[in-house]
N, C-alpha and C. Protein backbone atom coordinates (compact mmCIF):
# COMPACT_ATOMS: atom_id res chain seq x y z
N UNK A 1 -25.36 -14.68 18.31
CA UNK A 1 -25.61 -14.77 16.88
C UNK A 1 -26.85 -15.60 16.56
N UNK A 2 -27.38 -16.28 17.55
CA UNK A 2 -28.54 -17.13 17.34
C UNK A 2 -29.74 -16.41 16.73
N UNK A 3 -30.06 -15.17 17.16
CA UNK A 3 -31.22 -14.49 16.56
C UNK A 3 -30.92 -13.89 15.19
N UNK A 4 -29.76 -14.17 14.62
CA UNK A 4 -29.37 -13.68 13.30
C UNK A 4 -29.50 -12.16 13.19
N UNK A 5 -28.64 -11.44 13.90
CA UNK A 5 -28.74 -9.97 13.89
C UNK A 5 -28.37 -9.38 12.54
N UNK A 6 -28.94 -8.21 12.26
CA UNK A 6 -28.61 -7.49 11.02
C UNK A 6 -27.25 -6.81 11.16
N UNK A 7 -26.91 -6.41 12.39
CA UNK A 7 -25.64 -5.76 12.68
C UNK A 7 -25.18 -6.25 14.04
N UNK A 8 -23.88 -6.35 14.21
CA UNK A 8 -23.31 -6.80 15.48
C UNK A 8 -22.40 -5.70 16.03
N UNK A 9 -22.58 -5.33 17.30
CA UNK A 9 -21.74 -4.34 17.96
C UNK A 9 -20.95 -5.03 19.05
N UNK A 10 -19.61 -4.95 18.96
CA UNK A 10 -18.72 -5.54 19.96
C UNK A 10 -17.90 -4.43 20.58
N UNK A 11 -18.11 -4.17 21.86
CA UNK A 11 -17.42 -3.10 22.55
C UNK A 11 -16.31 -3.70 23.40
N UNK A 12 -15.06 -3.52 22.96
CA UNK A 12 -13.88 -4.06 23.65
C UNK A 12 -14.06 -5.56 23.97
N UNK A 13 -14.35 -6.39 22.97
CA UNK A 13 -14.69 -7.79 23.24
C UNK A 13 -13.56 -8.62 23.85
N UNK A 14 -12.31 -8.23 23.67
CA UNK A 14 -11.20 -9.05 24.14
C UNK A 14 -10.35 -8.34 25.20
N UNK A 15 -10.81 -7.20 25.70
CA UNK A 15 -9.96 -6.35 26.53
C UNK A 15 -9.58 -6.95 27.88
N UNK A 16 -10.39 -7.82 28.45
CA UNK A 16 -10.11 -8.32 29.81
C UNK A 16 -9.38 -9.66 29.80
N UNK A 17 -8.77 -10.01 28.68
CA UNK A 17 -8.14 -11.32 28.55
C UNK A 17 -6.62 -11.22 28.59
N UNK A 18 -5.98 -12.30 29.03
CA UNK A 18 -4.52 -12.35 28.97
C UNK A 18 -4.09 -12.41 27.51
N UNK A 19 -2.83 -12.10 27.25
CA UNK A 19 -2.33 -11.95 25.88
C UNK A 19 -2.51 -13.21 25.03
N UNK A 20 -2.22 -14.37 25.57
CA UNK A 20 -2.33 -15.61 24.79
C UNK A 20 -3.78 -15.90 24.44
N UNK A 21 -4.68 -15.81 25.41
CA UNK A 21 -6.10 -16.05 25.15
C UNK A 21 -6.64 -15.03 24.18
N UNK A 22 -6.25 -13.77 24.36
CA UNK A 22 -6.69 -12.70 23.46
C UNK A 22 -6.28 -13.00 22.02
N UNK A 23 -5.05 -13.44 21.83
CA UNK A 23 -4.55 -13.74 20.49
C UNK A 23 -5.33 -14.89 19.86
N UNK A 24 -5.57 -15.95 20.64
CA UNK A 24 -6.33 -17.10 20.13
C UNK A 24 -7.76 -16.71 19.77
N UNK A 25 -8.42 -15.98 20.67
CA UNK A 25 -9.80 -15.58 20.41
C UNK A 25 -9.91 -14.56 19.28
N UNK A 26 -8.90 -13.74 19.10
CA UNK A 26 -8.90 -12.79 17.99
C UNK A 26 -8.94 -13.55 16.65
N UNK A 27 -8.11 -14.59 16.55
CA UNK A 27 -8.13 -15.40 15.32
C UNK A 27 -9.48 -16.08 15.12
N UNK A 28 -10.03 -16.66 16.20
CA UNK A 28 -11.33 -17.32 16.10
C UNK A 28 -12.44 -16.33 15.75
N UNK A 29 -12.40 -15.14 16.35
CA UNK A 29 -13.41 -14.13 16.07
C UNK A 29 -13.34 -13.68 14.62
N UNK A 30 -12.14 -13.48 14.10
CA UNK A 30 -12.00 -13.08 12.69
C UNK A 30 -12.58 -14.15 11.76
N UNK A 31 -12.29 -15.40 12.07
CA UNK A 31 -12.82 -16.51 11.27
C UNK A 31 -14.35 -16.55 11.35
N UNK A 32 -14.90 -16.40 12.54
CA UNK A 32 -16.35 -16.42 12.73
C UNK A 32 -17.02 -15.28 11.99
N UNK A 33 -16.48 -14.07 12.11
CA UNK A 33 -17.06 -12.92 11.45
C UNK A 33 -17.02 -13.06 9.92
N UNK A 34 -15.97 -13.68 9.43
CA UNK A 34 -15.87 -13.92 7.98
C UNK A 34 -16.94 -14.92 7.54
N UNK A 35 -17.15 -15.95 8.34
CA UNK A 35 -18.14 -16.99 8.01
C UNK A 35 -19.57 -16.46 8.04
N UNK A 36 -19.93 -15.71 9.09
CA UNK A 36 -21.33 -15.28 9.24
C UNK A 36 -21.66 -14.06 8.39
N UNK A 37 -20.66 -13.32 7.97
CA UNK A 37 -20.84 -12.16 7.08
C UNK A 37 -21.89 -11.17 7.60
N UNK A 38 -21.89 -10.91 8.90
CA UNK A 38 -22.76 -9.91 9.50
C UNK A 38 -21.94 -8.63 9.66
N UNK A 39 -22.45 -7.50 9.16
CA UNK A 39 -21.71 -6.25 9.38
C UNK A 39 -21.48 -6.06 10.88
N UNK A 40 -20.21 -5.77 11.24
CA UNK A 40 -19.84 -5.71 12.65
C UNK A 40 -19.08 -4.44 12.94
N UNK A 41 -19.46 -3.78 14.03
CA UNK A 41 -18.75 -2.61 14.51
C UNK A 41 -18.02 -3.03 15.78
N UNK A 42 -16.69 -2.92 15.76
CA UNK A 42 -15.88 -3.32 16.91
C UNK A 42 -15.20 -2.07 17.46
N UNK A 43 -15.37 -1.85 18.75
CA UNK A 43 -14.70 -0.74 19.42
C UNK A 43 -13.51 -1.34 20.17
N UNK A 44 -12.32 -0.79 19.93
CA UNK A 44 -11.13 -1.30 20.60
C UNK A 44 -10.08 -0.20 20.72
N UNK A 45 -9.23 -0.35 21.73
CA UNK A 45 -8.06 0.51 21.89
C UNK A 45 -6.80 -0.25 21.51
N UNK A 46 -6.94 -1.48 21.10
CA UNK A 46 -5.81 -2.36 20.81
C UNK A 46 -5.52 -2.34 19.31
N UNK A 47 -4.33 -1.84 18.95
CA UNK A 47 -3.97 -1.73 17.53
C UNK A 47 -3.92 -3.08 16.83
N UNK A 48 -3.38 -4.10 17.51
CA UNK A 48 -3.29 -5.43 16.89
C UNK A 48 -4.69 -5.98 16.62
N UNK A 49 -5.59 -5.74 17.55
CA UNK A 49 -6.97 -6.19 17.39
C UNK A 49 -7.63 -5.47 16.20
N UNK A 50 -7.43 -4.17 16.14
CA UNK A 50 -8.00 -3.39 15.04
C UNK A 50 -7.43 -3.85 13.70
N UNK A 51 -6.13 -4.08 13.65
CA UNK A 51 -5.49 -4.49 12.40
C UNK A 51 -5.95 -5.87 11.95
N UNK A 52 -6.13 -6.78 12.88
CA UNK A 52 -6.49 -8.15 12.48
C UNK A 52 -7.99 -8.33 12.26
N UNK A 53 -8.82 -7.56 12.94
CA UNK A 53 -10.27 -7.75 12.82
C UNK A 53 -10.94 -6.78 11.86
N UNK A 54 -10.34 -5.62 11.65
CA UNK A 54 -11.02 -4.59 10.87
C UNK A 54 -10.66 -4.59 9.40
N UNK A 55 -11.69 -4.52 8.57
CA UNK A 55 -11.48 -4.29 7.14
C UNK A 55 -11.37 -2.79 6.87
N UNK A 56 -12.13 -2.02 7.67
CA UNK A 56 -12.10 -0.57 7.60
C UNK A 56 -11.97 -0.05 9.02
N UNK A 57 -11.25 1.06 9.19
CA UNK A 57 -11.06 1.65 10.51
C UNK A 57 -11.54 3.09 10.52
N UNK A 58 -12.02 3.48 11.69
CA UNK A 58 -12.29 4.89 11.97
C UNK A 58 -11.50 5.21 13.22
N UNK A 59 -10.50 6.08 13.09
CA UNK A 59 -9.69 6.49 14.24
C UNK A 59 -10.35 7.67 14.92
N UNK A 60 -10.63 7.50 16.21
CA UNK A 60 -11.24 8.55 16.99
C UNK A 60 -10.30 9.00 18.10
N UNK A 61 -10.27 10.29 18.36
CA UNK A 61 -9.52 10.83 19.49
C UNK A 61 -10.25 12.07 19.98
N UNK A 62 -10.56 12.07 21.27
CA UNK A 62 -11.24 13.21 21.89
C UNK A 62 -12.53 13.56 21.15
N UNK A 63 -13.26 12.54 20.74
CA UNK A 63 -14.55 12.75 20.10
C UNK A 63 -14.51 13.19 18.65
N UNK A 64 -13.32 13.20 18.03
CA UNK A 64 -13.24 13.58 16.61
C UNK A 64 -12.65 12.45 15.78
N UNK A 65 -13.08 12.40 14.54
CA UNK A 65 -12.54 11.43 13.60
C UNK A 65 -11.22 11.97 13.07
N UNK A 66 -10.14 11.20 13.30
CA UNK A 66 -8.82 11.60 12.81
C UNK A 66 -8.61 11.14 11.37
N UNK A 67 -9.09 9.94 11.09
CA UNK A 67 -8.89 9.36 9.77
C UNK A 67 -9.78 8.13 9.67
N UNK A 68 -10.21 7.81 8.46
CA UNK A 68 -10.97 6.59 8.24
C UNK A 68 -10.65 6.04 6.87
N UNK A 69 -10.82 4.73 6.74
CA UNK A 69 -10.56 4.09 5.46
C UNK A 69 -10.18 2.64 5.63
N UNK A 70 -9.66 2.06 4.56
CA UNK A 70 -9.23 0.66 4.60
C UNK A 70 -8.11 0.49 5.62
N UNK A 71 -8.17 -0.58 6.37
CA UNK A 71 -7.21 -0.83 7.45
C UNK A 71 -5.77 -0.73 6.96
N UNK A 72 -5.45 -1.46 5.89
CA UNK A 72 -4.07 -1.47 5.38
C UNK A 72 -3.62 -0.07 4.99
N UNK A 73 -4.50 0.71 4.42
CA UNK A 73 -4.17 2.07 3.99
C UNK A 73 -3.84 2.97 5.18
N UNK A 74 -4.64 2.88 6.24
CA UNK A 74 -4.39 3.71 7.42
C UNK A 74 -3.07 3.34 8.08
N UNK A 75 -2.79 2.05 8.21
CA UNK A 75 -1.55 1.63 8.85
C UNK A 75 -0.33 1.95 7.98
N UNK A 76 -0.53 2.09 6.69
CA UNK A 76 0.57 2.40 5.79
C UNK A 76 0.79 3.90 5.65
N UNK A 77 -0.30 4.68 5.68
CA UNK A 77 -0.16 6.10 5.39
C UNK A 77 -1.11 6.96 6.23
N UNK A 78 -0.74 7.23 7.48
CA UNK A 78 -1.56 8.13 8.29
C UNK A 78 -1.52 9.55 7.71
N UNK A 79 -2.61 10.29 7.91
CA UNK A 79 -2.67 11.63 7.31
C UNK A 79 -2.29 12.75 8.27
N UNK A 80 -2.10 12.41 9.55
CA UNK A 80 -1.69 13.43 10.51
C UNK A 80 -0.79 12.80 11.56
N UNK A 81 -0.03 13.64 12.24
CA UNK A 81 0.85 13.14 13.30
C UNK A 81 0.03 12.48 14.41
N UNK A 82 -1.12 13.05 14.73
CA UNK A 82 -1.96 12.47 15.78
C UNK A 82 -2.47 11.09 15.36
N UNK A 83 -2.90 10.95 14.12
CA UNK A 83 -3.35 9.64 13.63
C UNK A 83 -2.20 8.65 13.64
N UNK A 84 -1.02 9.09 13.24
CA UNK A 84 0.16 8.21 13.22
C UNK A 84 0.47 7.68 14.61
N UNK A 85 0.39 8.54 15.61
CA UNK A 85 0.69 8.10 16.98
C UNK A 85 -0.37 7.13 17.49
N UNK A 86 -1.65 7.37 17.17
CA UNK A 86 -2.71 6.44 17.55
C UNK A 86 -2.47 5.08 16.89
N UNK A 87 -1.93 5.08 15.70
CA UNK A 87 -1.66 3.84 14.97
C UNK A 87 -0.36 3.16 15.40
N UNK A 88 0.37 3.76 16.34
CA UNK A 88 1.55 3.12 16.89
C UNK A 88 2.88 3.52 16.28
N UNK A 89 2.90 4.51 15.42
CA UNK A 89 4.17 5.00 14.90
C UNK A 89 4.88 5.77 16.00
N UNK A 90 6.14 5.43 16.26
CA UNK A 90 6.91 6.17 17.28
C UNK A 90 7.82 7.21 16.65
N UNK A 91 8.10 7.08 15.38
CA UNK A 91 8.92 8.05 14.66
C UNK A 91 8.01 8.81 13.71
N UNK A 92 7.63 10.01 14.13
CA UNK A 92 6.69 10.83 13.35
C UNK A 92 7.28 12.23 13.23
N UNK A 93 7.49 12.65 11.99
CA UNK A 93 8.05 13.97 11.77
C UNK A 93 7.27 14.70 10.68
N UNK A 94 6.88 15.92 10.97
CA UNK A 94 6.25 16.78 9.97
C UNK A 94 7.38 17.59 9.34
N UNK A 95 7.76 17.23 8.14
CA UNK A 95 8.92 17.86 7.50
C UNK A 95 8.67 19.32 7.12
N UNK A 96 7.40 19.74 7.12
CA UNK A 96 7.11 21.15 6.81
C UNK A 96 7.50 22.06 7.97
N UNK A 97 7.44 21.52 9.21
CA UNK A 97 7.64 22.37 10.37
C UNK A 97 8.80 21.94 11.26
N UNK A 98 9.39 20.80 10.99
CA UNK A 98 10.42 20.27 11.89
C UNK A 98 11.68 21.12 11.84
N UNK A 99 12.20 21.48 12.99
CA UNK A 99 13.38 22.35 13.05
C UNK A 99 14.65 21.65 12.54
N UNK A 100 14.64 20.33 12.51
CA UNK A 100 15.80 19.58 12.03
C UNK A 100 15.50 18.93 10.68
N UNK A 101 14.76 19.64 9.83
CA UNK A 101 14.35 19.07 8.55
C UNK A 101 15.54 18.57 7.73
N UNK A 102 16.61 19.34 7.68
CA UNK A 102 17.77 18.95 6.89
C UNK A 102 18.37 17.64 7.40
N UNK A 103 18.43 17.49 8.71
CA UNK A 103 18.95 16.25 9.30
C UNK A 103 18.05 15.08 8.92
N UNK A 104 16.74 15.29 9.04
CA UNK A 104 15.81 14.21 8.70
C UNK A 104 15.93 13.82 7.24
N UNK A 105 16.03 14.81 6.37
CA UNK A 105 16.15 14.51 4.95
C UNK A 105 17.44 13.75 4.66
N UNK A 106 18.52 14.07 5.39
CA UNK A 106 19.79 13.40 5.12
C UNK A 106 19.82 12.00 5.73
N UNK A 107 19.00 11.76 6.73
CA UNK A 107 19.09 10.46 7.40
C UNK A 107 18.05 9.46 6.96
N UNK A 108 17.07 9.90 6.20
CA UNK A 108 15.95 9.02 5.91
C UNK A 108 15.81 8.62 4.45
N UNK A 109 15.26 7.47 4.29
CA UNK A 109 14.69 6.94 3.05
C UNK A 109 15.48 7.14 1.76
N UNK A 110 15.71 6.05 1.08
CA UNK A 110 16.39 6.09 -0.21
C UNK A 110 15.42 6.45 -1.34
N UNK A 111 14.74 7.59 -1.21
CA UNK A 111 13.84 8.02 -2.28
C UNK A 111 13.99 9.52 -2.46
N UNK A 112 13.57 10.00 -3.59
CA UNK A 112 13.73 11.42 -3.91
C UNK A 112 12.67 12.28 -3.24
N UNK A 113 11.43 11.83 -3.24
CA UNK A 113 10.33 12.66 -2.77
C UNK A 113 9.84 12.20 -1.40
N UNK A 114 10.29 12.89 -0.35
CA UNK A 114 9.81 12.57 0.98
C UNK A 114 8.45 13.21 1.18
N UNK A 115 7.54 12.49 1.84
CA UNK A 115 6.23 13.09 2.11
C UNK A 115 6.36 14.19 3.16
N UNK A 116 5.35 15.04 3.25
CA UNK A 116 5.36 16.09 4.26
C UNK A 116 5.34 15.49 5.66
N UNK A 117 4.60 14.39 5.83
CA UNK A 117 4.51 13.70 7.11
C UNK A 117 5.24 12.37 6.98
N UNK A 118 6.31 12.22 7.71
CA UNK A 118 7.13 11.01 7.63
C UNK A 118 6.89 10.18 8.88
N UNK A 119 6.43 8.93 8.70
CA UNK A 119 6.09 8.04 9.81
C UNK A 119 6.82 6.72 9.62
N UNK A 120 7.58 6.31 10.64
CA UNK A 120 8.32 5.05 10.57
C UNK A 120 8.12 4.30 11.88
N UNK A 121 7.70 3.04 11.77
CA UNK A 121 7.54 2.22 12.97
C UNK A 121 8.91 1.94 13.58
N UNK A 122 8.96 1.91 14.91
CA UNK A 122 10.22 1.62 15.61
C UNK A 122 10.76 0.25 15.21
N UNK A 123 9.89 -0.68 14.89
CA UNK A 123 10.32 -2.02 14.48
C UNK A 123 11.02 -2.02 13.12
N UNK A 124 10.83 -0.95 12.34
CA UNK A 124 11.46 -0.85 11.02
C UNK A 124 12.82 -0.18 11.05
N UNK A 125 13.27 0.21 12.25
CA UNK A 125 14.59 0.83 12.40
C UNK A 125 15.52 -0.21 13.02
N UNK A 126 16.64 -0.44 12.37
CA UNK A 126 17.64 -1.38 12.90
C UNK A 126 18.82 -0.61 13.47
N UNK A 127 19.37 -1.15 14.55
CA UNK A 127 20.60 -0.58 15.11
C UNK A 127 21.73 -1.48 14.66
N UNK A 128 22.75 -0.86 14.07
CA UNK A 128 23.88 -1.62 13.51
C UNK A 128 25.18 -1.00 14.02
N UNK A 129 26.29 -1.58 13.65
CA UNK A 129 27.58 -1.06 14.08
C UNK A 129 27.81 0.32 13.47
N UNK A 130 28.59 1.13 14.17
CA UNK A 130 28.95 2.44 13.65
C UNK A 130 29.68 2.24 12.32
N UNK A 131 29.45 3.15 11.40
CA UNK A 131 30.05 3.02 10.08
C UNK A 131 29.06 2.49 9.06
N UNK A 132 28.01 1.86 9.53
CA UNK A 132 26.91 1.43 8.66
C UNK A 132 25.72 2.33 8.95
N UNK A 133 25.02 2.75 7.95
CA UNK A 133 23.86 3.60 8.15
C UNK A 133 24.23 4.97 8.69
N UNK A 134 23.30 5.59 9.38
CA UNK A 134 23.48 6.92 9.95
C UNK A 134 23.94 6.80 11.40
N UNK A 135 24.96 7.56 11.79
CA UNK A 135 25.51 7.46 13.14
C UNK A 135 24.74 8.33 14.12
N UNK A 136 24.52 7.77 15.33
CA UNK A 136 23.85 8.49 16.39
C UNK A 136 24.31 7.99 17.74
N UNK A 137 23.79 8.60 18.80
CA UNK A 137 24.17 8.25 20.17
C UNK A 137 22.95 7.73 20.91
N UNK A 138 23.10 6.56 21.55
CA UNK A 138 22.01 5.97 22.32
C UNK A 138 21.71 6.87 23.52
N UNK A 139 20.45 7.27 23.67
CA UNK A 139 20.02 8.13 24.78
C UNK A 139 19.19 7.37 25.82
N UNK A 140 18.52 6.27 25.41
CA UNK A 140 17.65 5.54 26.33
C UNK A 140 17.53 4.10 25.86
N UNK A 141 17.57 3.17 26.81
CA UNK A 141 17.32 1.76 26.52
C UNK A 141 16.29 1.28 27.54
N UNK A 142 15.12 0.84 27.06
CA UNK A 142 14.06 0.34 27.94
C UNK A 142 13.71 -1.08 27.56
N UNK A 143 13.67 -1.96 28.54
CA UNK A 143 13.28 -3.34 28.30
C UNK A 143 11.78 -3.43 28.13
N UNK A 144 11.34 -4.18 27.13
CA UNK A 144 9.92 -4.46 26.89
C UNK A 144 9.76 -5.96 26.71
N UNK A 145 10.14 -6.72 27.71
CA UNK A 145 10.08 -8.18 27.59
C UNK A 145 11.17 -8.66 26.67
N UNK A 146 10.81 -9.38 25.59
CA UNK A 146 11.84 -9.89 24.68
C UNK A 146 12.45 -8.82 23.78
N UNK A 147 11.89 -7.62 23.81
CA UNK A 147 12.39 -6.53 22.97
C UNK A 147 12.90 -5.40 23.85
N UNK A 148 13.63 -4.49 23.22
CA UNK A 148 14.09 -3.26 23.88
C UNK A 148 13.67 -2.08 23.01
N UNK A 149 13.26 -1.02 23.67
CA UNK A 149 12.99 0.25 23.00
C UNK A 149 14.25 1.07 23.19
N UNK A 150 14.85 1.48 22.07
CA UNK A 150 16.11 2.22 22.12
C UNK A 150 15.90 3.56 21.42
N UNK A 151 16.20 4.65 22.13
CA UNK A 151 16.09 5.99 21.56
C UNK A 151 17.50 6.46 21.22
N UNK A 152 17.68 6.85 19.96
CA UNK A 152 18.99 7.27 19.46
C UNK A 152 18.89 8.72 18.97
N UNK A 153 19.84 9.55 19.41
CA UNK A 153 19.90 10.93 18.96
C UNK A 153 20.81 11.01 17.74
N UNK A 154 20.25 11.51 16.65
CA UNK A 154 21.03 11.71 15.43
C UNK A 154 20.98 13.20 15.10
N UNK A 155 22.05 13.91 15.45
CA UNK A 155 22.16 15.35 15.16
C UNK A 155 20.93 16.12 15.62
N UNK A 156 20.44 15.81 16.83
CA UNK A 156 19.31 16.54 17.39
C UNK A 156 17.95 15.93 17.10
N UNK A 157 17.90 14.87 16.34
CA UNK A 157 16.64 14.19 16.03
C UNK A 157 16.60 12.87 16.77
N UNK A 158 15.53 12.65 17.54
CA UNK A 158 15.38 11.37 18.22
C UNK A 158 14.73 10.36 17.29
N UNK A 159 15.38 9.20 17.17
CA UNK A 159 14.86 8.10 16.37
C UNK A 159 14.67 6.93 17.33
N UNK A 160 13.47 6.33 17.29
CA UNK A 160 13.16 5.21 18.18
C UNK A 160 13.25 3.91 17.39
N UNK A 161 13.96 2.94 17.98
CA UNK A 161 14.07 1.60 17.39
C UNK A 161 13.55 0.60 18.41
N UNK A 162 12.95 -0.47 17.94
CA UNK A 162 12.54 -1.57 18.82
C UNK A 162 13.27 -2.80 18.31
N UNK A 163 14.16 -3.32 19.16
CA UNK A 163 15.05 -4.40 18.74
C UNK A 163 15.03 -5.53 19.77
N UNK A 164 15.61 -6.66 19.39
CA UNK A 164 15.71 -7.80 20.32
C UNK A 164 16.58 -7.44 21.51
N UNK A 165 16.17 -7.94 22.66
CA UNK A 165 16.99 -7.75 23.86
C UNK A 165 18.28 -8.54 23.71
N UNK A 166 19.25 -8.16 24.47
CA UNK A 166 20.50 -8.91 24.50
C UNK A 166 21.55 -8.40 23.54
N UNK A 167 21.22 -7.38 22.75
CA UNK A 167 22.22 -6.84 21.83
C UNK A 167 23.27 -6.03 22.58
N UNK A 168 22.96 -5.60 23.80
CA UNK A 168 23.94 -4.90 24.62
C UNK A 168 24.10 -3.43 24.33
N UNK A 169 23.12 -2.79 23.71
CA UNK A 169 23.22 -1.35 23.45
C UNK A 169 23.18 -0.62 24.78
N UNK A 170 24.03 0.38 24.93
CA UNK A 170 24.14 1.11 26.19
C UNK A 170 24.03 2.62 25.96
N UNK A 171 23.46 3.31 26.96
CA UNK A 171 23.33 4.76 26.89
C UNK A 171 24.72 5.37 26.70
N UNK A 172 24.82 6.32 25.76
CA UNK A 172 26.08 6.98 25.45
C UNK A 172 26.86 6.32 24.32
N UNK A 173 26.48 5.13 23.95
CA UNK A 173 27.18 4.39 22.90
C UNK A 173 26.85 4.96 21.52
N UNK A 174 27.85 5.05 20.66
CA UNK A 174 27.65 5.45 19.27
C UNK A 174 27.21 4.22 18.49
N UNK A 175 26.16 4.37 17.67
CA UNK A 175 25.63 3.26 16.88
C UNK A 175 25.28 3.75 15.48
N UNK A 176 25.05 2.83 14.59
CA UNK A 176 24.53 3.14 13.27
C UNK A 176 23.06 2.81 13.23
N UNK A 177 22.30 3.52 12.41
CA UNK A 177 20.88 3.26 12.22
C UNK A 177 20.62 3.01 10.75
N UNK A 178 19.71 2.09 10.47
CA UNK A 178 19.25 1.90 9.11
C UNK A 178 17.84 1.37 9.15
N UNK A 179 17.11 1.58 8.06
CA UNK A 179 15.78 1.00 7.93
C UNK A 179 15.94 -0.49 7.66
N UNK A 180 14.92 -1.26 8.03
CA UNK A 180 14.97 -2.70 7.81
C UNK A 180 15.25 -3.03 6.34
N UNK A 181 14.80 -2.18 5.44
CA UNK A 181 15.01 -2.43 4.02
C UNK A 181 16.33 -1.92 3.47
N UNK A 182 17.14 -1.26 4.27
CA UNK A 182 18.41 -0.74 3.77
C UNK A 182 18.87 0.45 4.56
N UNK A 183 19.99 1.03 4.17
CA UNK A 183 20.59 2.11 4.97
C UNK A 183 19.74 3.37 5.00
N UNK A 184 19.76 4.02 6.13
CA UNK A 184 19.25 5.39 6.21
C UNK A 184 20.35 6.26 5.62
N UNK A 185 19.99 7.22 4.83
CA UNK A 185 21.03 8.11 4.33
C UNK A 185 20.58 9.54 4.33
């Protein structure tokens, strides 16, 4: 930054770092970029890095732009299933073409107008006791350090939840599902 550049290009600036150092430097880099106010283009494959450092995002896949715009807007409302997956959504359903549309409509969101593309982060799905929320059967439990990725089949629709380890969910077990904000219905 000493020569006072007009534009700064950072290509995967934090990619070779351990998680703790990466997190610390990400905060410092965001603070520095805010202070110097130099337009900066950052290339990254890390969603957390993109979310914390970018004011605007351009999602690229196979040489094409999938979506671009304000960071918060993209993470809140992807415009395609491919963009949603790049942004880390594990529950992505196109209600126009999904063979289990009726099941999805009955199990999701307490609102009248469902969008054509429904995207829900696995972290926003809670697993609860049967009788609460929508009932399904656990198909897969994968440990991810302090969290578990749990895949639940609800009438032919796979719903992915990411929950704290130690809850004891087991393959074949019947469970209830709900969104973090309330019951799936």
